[in-house]
């Protein structure tokens, strides 16, 4: 694993925040959040790839992984909070 991969995966909290802002501003249904997370992950990693001198295809693939990780992390935290609150 290269250091560029760590930078790409570090975008997961950023993606969660961006998706939360878009959902609040645009009044999006929750079903569209995973797709928006993947789009944000790919977009973020493609924007950062020239700064890290990495290729576009691996950066886009890492963006898909980061977006899916952000969507999964959001769902796990949401279910944990609802379970804890009863």
PDB file of N, CA and C in Angstrom:
ATOM      1  N   UNK A   1       0.839  -1.172   0.000  1.00  0.00           N
ATOM      2  CA  UNK A   1       0.000   0.000   0.000  1.00  0.00           C
ATOM      3  C   UNK A   1       0.889   1.243   0.000  1.00  0.00           C
ATOM      4  N   UNK A   2       0.561   2.154  -0.870  1.00  0.00           N
ATOM      5  CA  UNK A   2       1.343   3.370  -1.039  1.00  0.00           C
ATOM      6  C   UNK A   2       0.801   4.469  -0.119  1.00  0.00           C
ATOM      7  N   UNK A   3       1.602   5.487   0.144  1.00  0.00           N
ATOM      8  CA  UNK A   3       1.142   6.597   0.975  1.00  0.00           C
ATOM      9  C   UNK A   3      -0.030   7.333   0.340  1.00  0.00           C
ATOM     10  N   UNK A   4      -0.098   7.339  -0.979  1.00  0.00           N
ATOM     11  CA  UNK A   4      -1.215   7.992  -1.662  1.00  0.00           C
ATOM     12  C   UNK A   4      -2.541   7.317  -1.317  1.00  0.00           C
ATOM     13  N   UNK A   5      -2.506   6.014  -1.070  1.00  0.00           N
ATOM     14  CA  UNK A   5      -3.725   5.308  -0.676  1.00  0.00           C
ATOM     15  C   UNK A   5      -4.232   5.806   0.669  1.00  0.00           C
ATOM     16  N   UNK A   6      -3.316   6.079   1.573  1.00  0.00           N
ATOM     17  CA  UNK A   6      -3.733   6.596   2.881  1.00  0.00           C
ATOM     18  C   UNK A   6      -4.371   7.975   2.753  1.00  0.00           C
ATOM     19  N   UNK A   7      -3.826   8.796   1.877  1.00  0.00           N
ATOM     20  CA  UNK A   7      -4.423  10.117   1.660  1.00  0.00           C
ATOM     21  C   UNK A   7      -5.825   9.982   1.062  1.00  0.00           C
ATOM     22  N   UNK A   8      -6.004   9.039   0.171  1.00  0.00           N
ATOM     23  CA  UNK A   8      -7.318   8.832  -0.432  1.00  0.00           C
ATOM     24  C   UNK A   8      -8.329   8.319   0.566  1.00  0.00           C
ATOM     25  N   UNK A   9      -7.914   7.397   1.421  1.00  0.00           N
ATOM     26  CA  UNK A   9      -8.835   6.853   2.418  1.00  0.00           C
ATOM     27  C   UNK A   9      -9.092   7.829   3.560  1.00  0.00           C
ATOM     28  N   UNK A  10      -8.205   8.791   3.743  1.00  0.00           N
ATOM     29  CA  UNK A  10      -8.426   9.808   4.768  1.00  0.00           C
ATOM     30  C   UNK A  10      -9.566  10.744   4.389  1.00  0.00           C
ATOM     31  N   UNK A  11     -10.029  10.650   3.154  1.00  0.00           N
ATOM     32  CA  UNK A  11     -11.132  11.501   2.718  1.00  0.00           C
ATOM     33  C   UNK A  11     -12.491  10.996   3.188  1.00  0.00           C
ATOM     34  N   UNK A  12     -12.556   9.842   3.833  1.00  0.00           N
ATOM     35  CA  UNK A  12     -13.837   9.273   4.270  1.00  0.00           C
ATOM     36  C   UNK A  12     -14.603  10.227   5.193  1.00  0.00           C
ATOM     37  N   UNK A  13     -13.983  10.818   6.224  1.00  0.00           N
ATOM     38  CA  UNK A  13     -14.749  11.764   7.048  1.00  0.00           C
ATOM     39  C   UNK A  13     -15.201  12.999   6.268  1.00  0.00           C
ATOM     40  N   UNK A  14     -14.392  13.442   5.323  1.00  0.00           N
ATOM     41  CA  UNK A  14     -14.771  14.588   4.486  1.00  0.00           C
ATOM     42  C   UNK A  14     -15.996  14.244   3.652  1.00  0.00           C
ATOM     43  N   UNK A  15     -16.013  13.049   3.098  1.00  0.00           N
ATOM     44  CA  UNK A  15     -17.140  12.610   2.277  1.00  0.00           C
ATOM     45  C   UNK A  15     -18.412  12.534   3.111  1.00  0.00           C
ATOM     46  N   UNK A  16     -18.315  12.025   4.331  1.00  0.00           N
ATOM     47  CA  UNK A  16     -19.482  11.955   5.205  1.00  0.00           C
ATOM     48  C   UNK A  16     -20.024  13.358   5.473  1.00  0.00           C
ATOM     49  N   UNK A  17     -19.140  14.303   5.712  1.00  0.00           N
ATOM     50  CA  UNK A  17     -19.565  15.673   5.958  1.00  0.00           C
ATOM     51  C   UNK A  17     -20.217  16.312   4.744  1.00  0.00           C
ATOM     52  N   UNK A  18     -19.622  16.109   3.573  1.00  0.00           N
ATOM     53  CA  UNK A  18     -20.175  16.690   2.347  1.00  0.00           C
ATOM     54  C   UNK A  18     -21.548  16.100   2.046  1.00  0.00           C
ATOM     55  N   UNK A  19     -21.692  14.806   2.198  1.00  0.00           N
ATOM     56  CA  UNK A  19     -22.989  14.169   1.955  1.00  0.00           C
ATOM     57  C   UNK A  19     -24.027  14.686   2.952  1.00  0.00           C
ATOM     58  N   UNK A  20     -23.643  14.866   4.196  1.00  0.00           N
ATOM     59  CA  UNK A  20     -24.565  15.413   5.184  1.00  0.00           C
ATOM     60  C   UNK A  20     -25.016  16.822   4.843  1.00  0.00           C
ATOM     61  N   UNK A  21     -24.094  17.639   4.360  1.00  0.00           N
ATOM     62  CA  UNK A  21     -24.450  19.006   3.965  1.00  0.00           C
ATOM     63  C   UNK A  21     -25.382  18.988   2.766  1.00  0.00           C
ATOM     64  N   UNK A  22     -25.069  18.179   1.764  1.00  0.00           N
ATOM     65  CA  UNK A  22     -25.930  18.104   0.581  1.00  0.00           C
ATOM     66  C   UNK A  22     -27.318  17.573   0.932  1.00  0.00           C
ATOM     67  N   UNK A  23     -27.369  16.585   1.813  1.00  0.00           N
ATOM     68  CA  UNK A  23     -28.688  16.048   2.201  1.00  0.00           C
ATOM     69  C   UNK A  23     -29.505  17.101   2.920  1.00  0.00           C
ATOM     70  N   UNK A  24     -28.860  17.924   3.738  1.00  0.00           N
ATOM     71  CA  UNK A  24     -29.571  18.964   4.457  1.00  0.00           C
ATOM     72  C   UNK A  24     -30.013  20.109   3.559  1.00  0.00           C
ATOM     73  N   UNK A  25     -29.139  20.503   2.638  1.00  0.00           N
ATOM     74  CA  UNK A  25     -29.459  21.638   1.767  1.00  0.00           C
ATOM     75  C   UNK A  25     -30.463  21.282   0.683  1.00  0.00           C
ATOM     76  N   UNK A  26     -30.312  20.117   0.095  1.00  0.00           N
ATOM     77  CA  UNK A  26     -31.155  19.740  -1.042  1.00  0.00           C
ATOM     78  C   UNK A  26     -32.357  18.908  -0.644  1.00  0.00           C
ATOM     79  N   UNK A  27     -32.485  18.601   0.646  1.00  0.00           N
ATOM     80  CA  UNK A  27     -33.600  17.771   1.133  1.00  0.00           C
ATOM     81  C   UNK A  27     -33.688  16.448   0.369  1.00  0.00           C
ATOM     82  N   UNK A  28     -32.521  15.827   0.209  1.00  0.00           N
ATOM     83  CA  UNK A  28     -32.435  14.553  -0.510  1.00  0.00           C
ATOM     84  C   UNK A  28     -32.976  13.420   0.347  1.00  0.00           C
ATOM     85  N   UNK A  29     -33.614  12.437  -0.289  1.00  0.00           N
ATOM     86  CA  UNK A  29     -33.966  11.235   0.468  1.00  0.00           C
ATOM     87  C   UNK A  29     -32.705  10.437   0.816  1.00  0.00           C
ATOM     88  N   UNK A  30     -32.780   9.680   1.887  1.00  0.00           N
ATOM     89  CA  UNK A  30     -31.616   8.934   2.380  1.00  0.00           C
ATOM     90  C   UNK A  30     -31.151   7.863   1.400  1.00  0.00           C
ATOM     91  N   UNK A  31     -32.034   7.436   0.500  1.00  0.00           N
ATOM     92  CA  UNK A  31     -31.655   6.378  -0.449  1.00  0.00           C
ATOM     93  C   UNK A  31     -30.579   6.839  -1.435  1.00  0.00           C
ATOM     94  N   UNK A  32     -30.466   8.131  -1.655  1.00  0.00           N
ATOM     95  CA  UNK A  32     -29.491   8.654  -2.608  1.00  0.00           C
ATOM     96  C   UNK A  32     -28.132   8.937  -1.965  1.00  0.00           C
ATOM     97  N   UNK A  33     -28.030   8.843  -0.658  1.00  0.00           N
ATOM     98  CA  UNK A  33     -26.788   9.164   0.039  1.00  0.00           C
ATOM     99  C   UNK A  33     -25.610   8.267  -0.370  1.00  0.00           C
ATOM    100  N   UNK A  34     -25.770   6.942  -0.515  1.00  0.00           N
ATOM    101  CA  UNK A  34     -24.611   6.135  -0.929  1.00  0.00           C
ATOM    102  C   UNK A  34     -24.091   6.504  -2.323  1.00  0.00           C
ATOM    103  N   UNK A  35     -25.001   6.793  -3.252  1.00  0.00           N
ATOM    104  CA  UNK A  35     -24.561   7.196  -4.591  1.00  0.00           C
ATOM    105  C   UNK A  35     -23.814   8.523  -4.533  1.00  0.00           C
ATOM    106  N   UNK A  36     -24.328   9.463  -3.758  1.00  0.00           N
ATOM    107  CA  UNK A  36     -23.652  10.750  -3.607  1.00  0.00           C
ATOM    108  C   UNK A  36     -22.294  10.579  -2.937  1.00  0.00           C
ATOM    109  N   UNK A  37     -22.189   9.653  -1.993  1.00  0.00           N
ATOM    110  CA  UNK A  37     -20.912   9.396  -1.327  1.00  0.00           C
ATOM    111  C   UNK A  37     -19.876   8.853  -2.314  1.00  0.00           C
ATOM    112  N   UNK A  38     -20.290   7.955  -3.187  1.00  0.00           N
ATOM    113  CA  UNK A  38     -19.356   7.412  -4.184  1.00  0.00           C
ATOM    114  C   UNK A  38     -18.942   8.507  -5.164  1.00  0.00           C
ATOM    115  N   UNK A  39     -19.884   9.328  -5.598  1.00  0.00           N
ATOM    116  CA  UNK A  39     -19.557  10.427  -6.523  1.00  0.00           C
ATOM    117  C   UNK A  39     -18.583  11.406  -5.872  1.00  0.00           C
ATOM    118  N   UNK A  40     -18.828  11.743  -4.606  1.00  0.00           N
ATOM    119  CA  UNK A  40     -17.916  12.641  -3.886  1.00  0.00           C
ATOM    120  C   UNK A  40     -16.538  12.008  -3.699  1.00  0.00           C
ATOM    121  N   UNK A  41     -16.507  10.716  -3.411  1.00  0.00           N
ATOM    122  CA  UNK A  41     -15.224  10.038  -3.240  1.00  0.00           C
ATOM    123  C   UNK A  41     -14.405  10.020  -4.512  1.00  0.00           C
ATOM    124  N   UNK A  42     -15.052   9.727  -5.628  1.00  0.00           N
ATOM    125  CA  UNK A  42     -14.338   9.715  -6.914  1.00  0.00           C
ATOM    126  C   UNK A  42     -13.889  11.129  -7.269  1.00  0.00           C
ATOM    127  N   UNK A  43     -14.790  12.094  -7.092  1.00  0.00           N
ATOM    128  CA  UNK A  43     -14.434  13.479  -7.413  1.00  0.00           C
ATOM    129  C   UNK A  43     -13.275  13.985  -6.583  1.00  0.00           C
ATOM    130  N   UNK A  44     -13.317  13.725  -5.292  1.00  0.00           N
ATOM    131  CA  UNK A  44     -12.249  14.183  -4.401  1.00  0.00           C
ATOM    132  C   UNK A  44     -10.906  13.563  -4.787  1.00  0.00           C
ATOM    133  N   UNK A  45     -10.904  12.258  -5.013  1.00  0.00           N
ATOM    134  CA  UNK A  45      -9.640  11.592  -5.326  1.00  0.00           C
ATOM    135  C   UNK A  45      -9.107  11.979  -6.700  1.00  0.00           C
ATOM    136  N   UNK A  46      -9.996  12.267  -7.647  1.00  0.00           N
ATOM    137  CA  UNK A  46      -9.519  12.727  -8.948  1.00  0.00           C
ATOM    138  C   UNK A  46      -8.963  14.144  -8.863  1.00  0.00           C
ATOM    139  N   UNK A  47      -9.518  14.970  -7.986  1.00  0.00           N
ATOM    140  CA  UNK A  47      -8.978  16.318  -7.811  1.00  0.00           C
ATOM    141  C   UNK A  47      -7.625  16.308  -7.106  1.00  0.00           C
ATOM    142  N   UNK A  48      -7.437  15.370  -6.202  1.00  0.00           N
ATOM    143  CA  UNK A  48      -6.204  15.317  -5.423  1.00  0.00           C
ATOM    144  C   UNK A  48      -5.096  14.554  -6.156  1.00  0.00           C
ATOM    145  N   UNK A  49      -5.449  13.705  -7.113  1.00  0.00           N
ATOM    146  CA  UNK A  49      -4.448  12.850  -7.767  1.00  0.00           C
ATOM    147  C   UNK A  49      -3.315  13.619  -8.444  1.00  0.00           C
ATOM    148  N   UNK A  50      -3.546  14.766  -9.102  1.00  0.00           N
ATOM    149  CA  UNK A  50      -2.382  15.474  -9.668  1.00  0.00           C
ATOM    150  C   UNK A  50      -1.424  15.998  -8.596  1.00  0.00           C
ATOM    151  N   UNK A  51      -1.950  16.347  -7.443  1.00  0.00           N
ATOM    152  CA  UNK A  51      -1.081  16.824  -6.369  1.00  0.00           C
ATOM    153  C   UNK A  51      -0.201  15.718  -5.812  1.00  0.00           C
ATOM    154  N   UNK A  52      -0.712  14.489  -5.860  1.00  0.00           N
ATOM    155  CA  UNK A  52       0.030  13.350  -5.330  1.00  0.00           C
ATOM    156  C   UNK A  52       0.803  12.605  -6.408  1.00  0.00           C
ATOM    157  N   UNK A  53       0.724  13.104  -7.662  1.00  0.00           N
ATOM    158  CA  UNK A  53       1.412  12.487  -8.802  1.00  0.00           C
ATOM    159  C   UNK A  53       1.019  11.019  -8.980  1.00  0.00           C
ATOM    160  N   UNK A  54      -0.274  10.759  -8.891  1.00  0.00           N
ATOM    161  CA  UNK A  54      -0.751   9.402  -9.078  1.00  0.00           C
ATOM    162  C   UNK A  54      -1.616   9.328 -10.331  1.00  0.00           C
ATOM    163  N   UNK A  55      -1.811   8.125 -10.826  1.00  0.00           N
ATOM    164  CA  UNK A  55      -2.606   7.908 -12.040  1.00  0.00           C
ATOM    165  C   UNK A  55      -4.084   8.093 -11.745  1.00  0.00           C
ATOM    166  N   UNK A  56      -4.844   8.371 -12.794  1.00  0.00           N
ATOM    167  CA  UNK A  56      -6.261   8.655 -12.619  1.00  0.00           C
ATOM    168  C   UNK A  56      -7.087   7.412 -12.308  1.00  0.00           C
ATOM    169  N   UNK A  57      -6.807   6.298 -12.986  1.00  0.00           N
ATOM    170  CA  UNK A  57      -7.611   5.094 -12.766  1.00  0.00           C
ATOM    171  C   UNK A  57      -7.509   4.575 -11.335  1.00  0.00           C
ATOM    172  N   UNK A  58      -6.301   4.413 -10.780  1.00  0.00           N
ATOM    173  CA  UNK A  58      -6.246   3.966  -9.375  1.00  0.00           C
ATOM    174  C   UNK A  58      -6.871   4.986  -8.420  1.00  0.00           C
ATOM    175  N   UNK A  59      -6.748   6.261  -8.738  1.00  0.00           N
ATOM    176  CA  UNK A  59      -7.357   7.283  -7.885  1.00  0.00           C
ATOM    177  C   UNK A  59      -8.875   7.194  -7.931  1.00  0.00           C
ATOM    178  N   UNK A  60      -9.433   6.956  -9.115  1.00  0.00           N
ATOM    179  CA  UNK A  60     -10.884   6.809  -9.236  1.00  0.00           C
ATOM    180  C   UNK A  60     -11.358   5.563  -8.500  1.00  0.00           C
ATOM    181  N   UNK A  61     -10.626   4.482  -8.613  1.00  0.00           N
ATOM    182  CA  UNK A  61     -10.986   3.258  -7.904  1.00  0.00           C
ATOM    183  C   UNK A  61     -10.910   3.455  -6.391  1.00  0.00           C
ATOM    184  N   UNK A  62      -9.890   4.150  -5.938  1.00  0.00           N
ATOM    185  CA  UNK A  62      -9.778   4.459  -4.516  1.00  0.00           C
ATOM    186  C   UNK A  62     -10.920   5.371  -4.072  1.00  0.00           C
ATOM    187  N   UNK A  63     -11.380   6.252  -4.954  1.00  0.00           N
ATOM    188  CA  UNK A  63     -12.524   7.099  -4.646  1.00  0.00           C
ATOM    189  C   UNK A  63     -13.794   6.293  -4.462  1.00  0.00           C
ATOM    190  N   UNK A  64     -13.987   5.281  -5.294  1.00  0.00           N
ATOM    191  CA  UNK A  64     -15.145   4.400  -5.137  1.00  0.00           C
ATOM    192  C   UNK A  64     -15.068   3.681  -3.795  1.00  0.00           C
ATOM    193  N   UNK A  65     -13.897   3.191  -3.455  1.00  0.00           N
ATOM    194  CA  UNK A  65     -13.723   2.498  -2.167  1.00  0.00           C
ATOM    195  C   UNK A  65     -13.972   3.444  -1.005  1.00  0.00           C
ATOM    196  N   UNK A  66     -13.445   4.669  -1.092  1.00  0.00           N
ATOM    197  CA  UNK A  66     -13.645   5.638  -0.009  1.00  0.00           C
ATOM    198  C   UNK A  66     -15.116   6.027   0.104  1.00  0.00           C
ATOM    199  N   UNK A  67     -15.799   6.190  -1.026  1.00  0.00           N
ATOM    200  CA  UNK A  67     -17.221   6.524  -0.995  1.00  0.00           C
ATOM    201  C   UNK A  67     -18.059   5.419  -0.387  1.00  0.00           C
ATOM    202  N   UNK A  68     -17.762   4.188  -0.756  1.00  0.00           N
ATOM    203  CA  UNK A  68     -18.495   3.056  -0.169  1.00  0.00           C
ATOM    204  C   UNK A  68     -18.188   2.912   1.315  1.00  0.00           C
ATOM    205  N   UNK A  69     -16.944   3.182   1.694  1.00  0.00           N
ATOM    206  CA  UNK A  69     -16.592   3.127   3.114  1.00  0.00           C
ATOM    207  C   UNK A  69     -17.317   4.217   3.887  1.00  0.00           C
ATOM    208  N   UNK A  70     -17.424   5.400   3.304  1.00  0.00           N
ATOM    209  CA  UNK A  70     -18.136   6.493   3.971  1.00  0.00           C
ATOM    210  C   UNK A  70     -19.613   6.169   4.124  1.00  0.00           C
ATOM    211  N   UNK A  71     -20.219   5.604   3.094  1.00  0.00           N
ATOM    212  CA  UNK A  71     -21.634   5.238   3.165  1.00  0.00           C
ATOM    213  C   UNK A  71     -21.858   4.157   4.215  1.00  0.00           C
ATOM    214  N   UNK A  72     -20.986   3.182   4.269  1.00  0.00           N
ATOM    215  CA  UNK A  72     -21.112   2.113   5.261  1.00  0.00           C
ATOM    216  C   UNK A  72     -20.889   2.618   6.676  1.00  0.00           C
ATOM    217  N   UNK A  73     -19.897   3.481   6.855  1.00  0.00           N
ATOM    218  CA  UNK A  73     -19.627   4.032   8.175  1.00  0.00           C
ATOM    219  C   UNK A  73     -20.803   4.870   8.657  1.00  0.00           C
ATOM    220  N   UNK A  74     -21.399   5.638   7.761  1.00  0.00           N
ATOM    221  CA  UNK A  74     -22.566   6.448   8.118  1.00  0.00           C
ATOM    222  C   UNK A  74     -23.717   5.557   8.579  1.00  0.00           C
ATOM    223  N   UNK A  75     -23.976   4.481   7.841  1.00  0.00           N
ATOM    224  CA  UNK A  75     -25.070   3.580   8.205  1.00  0.00           C
ATOM    225  C   UNK A  75     -24.820   2.890   9.548  1.00  0.00           C
ATOM    226  N   UNK A  76     -23.592   2.472   9.787  1.00  0.00           N
ATOM    227  CA  UNK A  76     -23.269   1.786  11.043  1.00  0.00           C
ATOM    228  C   UNK A  76     -23.442   2.733  12.229  1.00  0.00           C
ATOM    229  N   UNK A  77     -22.962   3.961  12.100  1.00  0.00           N
ATOM    230  CA  UNK A  77     -23.098   4.925  13.195  1.00  0.00           C
ATOM    231  C   UNK A  77     -24.567   5.269  13.418  1.00  0.00           C
ATOM    232  N   UNK A  78     -25.318   5.432  12.333  1.00  0.00           N
ATOM    233  CA  UNK A  78     -26.741   5.760  12.447  1.00  0.00           C
ATOM    234  C   UNK A  78     -27.509   4.643  13.160  1.00  0.00           C
ATOM    235  N   UNK A  79     -27.250   3.401  12.794  1.00  0.00           N
ATOM    236  CA  UNK A  79     -27.916   2.281  13.448  1.00  0.00           C
ATOM    237  C   UNK A  79     -27.483   2.138  14.900  1.00  0.00           C
ATOM    238  N   UNK A  80     -26.224   2.410  15.174  1.00  0.00           N
ATOM    239  CA  UNK A  80     -25.736   2.341  16.558  1.00  0.00           C
ATOM    240  C   UNK A  80     -26.396   3.393  17.436  1.00  0.00           C
ATOM    241  N   UNK A  81     -26.567   4.583  16.917  1.00  0.00           N
ATOM    242  CA  UNK A  81     -27.204   5.648  17.701  1.00  0.00           C
ATOM    243  C   UNK A  81     -28.665   5.314  17.956  1.00  0.00           C
ATOM    244  N   UNK A  82     -29.367   4.830  16.942  1.00  0.00           N
ATOM    245  CA  UNK A  82     -30.788   4.497  17.149  1.00  0.00           C
ATOM    246  C   UNK A  82     -30.939   3.308  18.099  1.00  0.00           C
ATOM    247  N   UNK A  83     -30.010   2.369  18.074  1.00  0.00           N
ATOM    248  CA  UNK A  83     -30.067   1.237  18.996  1.00  0.00           C
ATOM    249  C   UNK A  83     -29.771   1.682  20.419  1.00  0.00           C
ATOM    250  N   UNK A  84     -28.800   2.575  20.561  1.00  0.00           N
ATOM    251  CA  UNK A  84     -28.430   3.063  21.897  1.00  0.00           C
ATOM    252  C   UNK A  84     -29.544   3.881  22.524  1.00  0.00           C
ATOM    253  N   UNK A  85     -30.217   4.698  21.721  1.00  0.00           N
ATOM    254  CA  UNK A  85     -31.290   5.543  22.240  1.00  0.00           C
ATOM    255  C   UNK A  85     -32.569   4.752  22.513  1.00  0.00           C
ATOM    256  N   UNK A  86     -32.673   3.606  21.906  1.00  0.00           N
ATOM    257  CA  UNK A  86     -33.822   2.735  22.176  1.00  0.00           C
ATOM    258  C   UNK A  86     -34.897   2.968  21.238  1.00  0.00           C
TER     259      UNK A  86
END
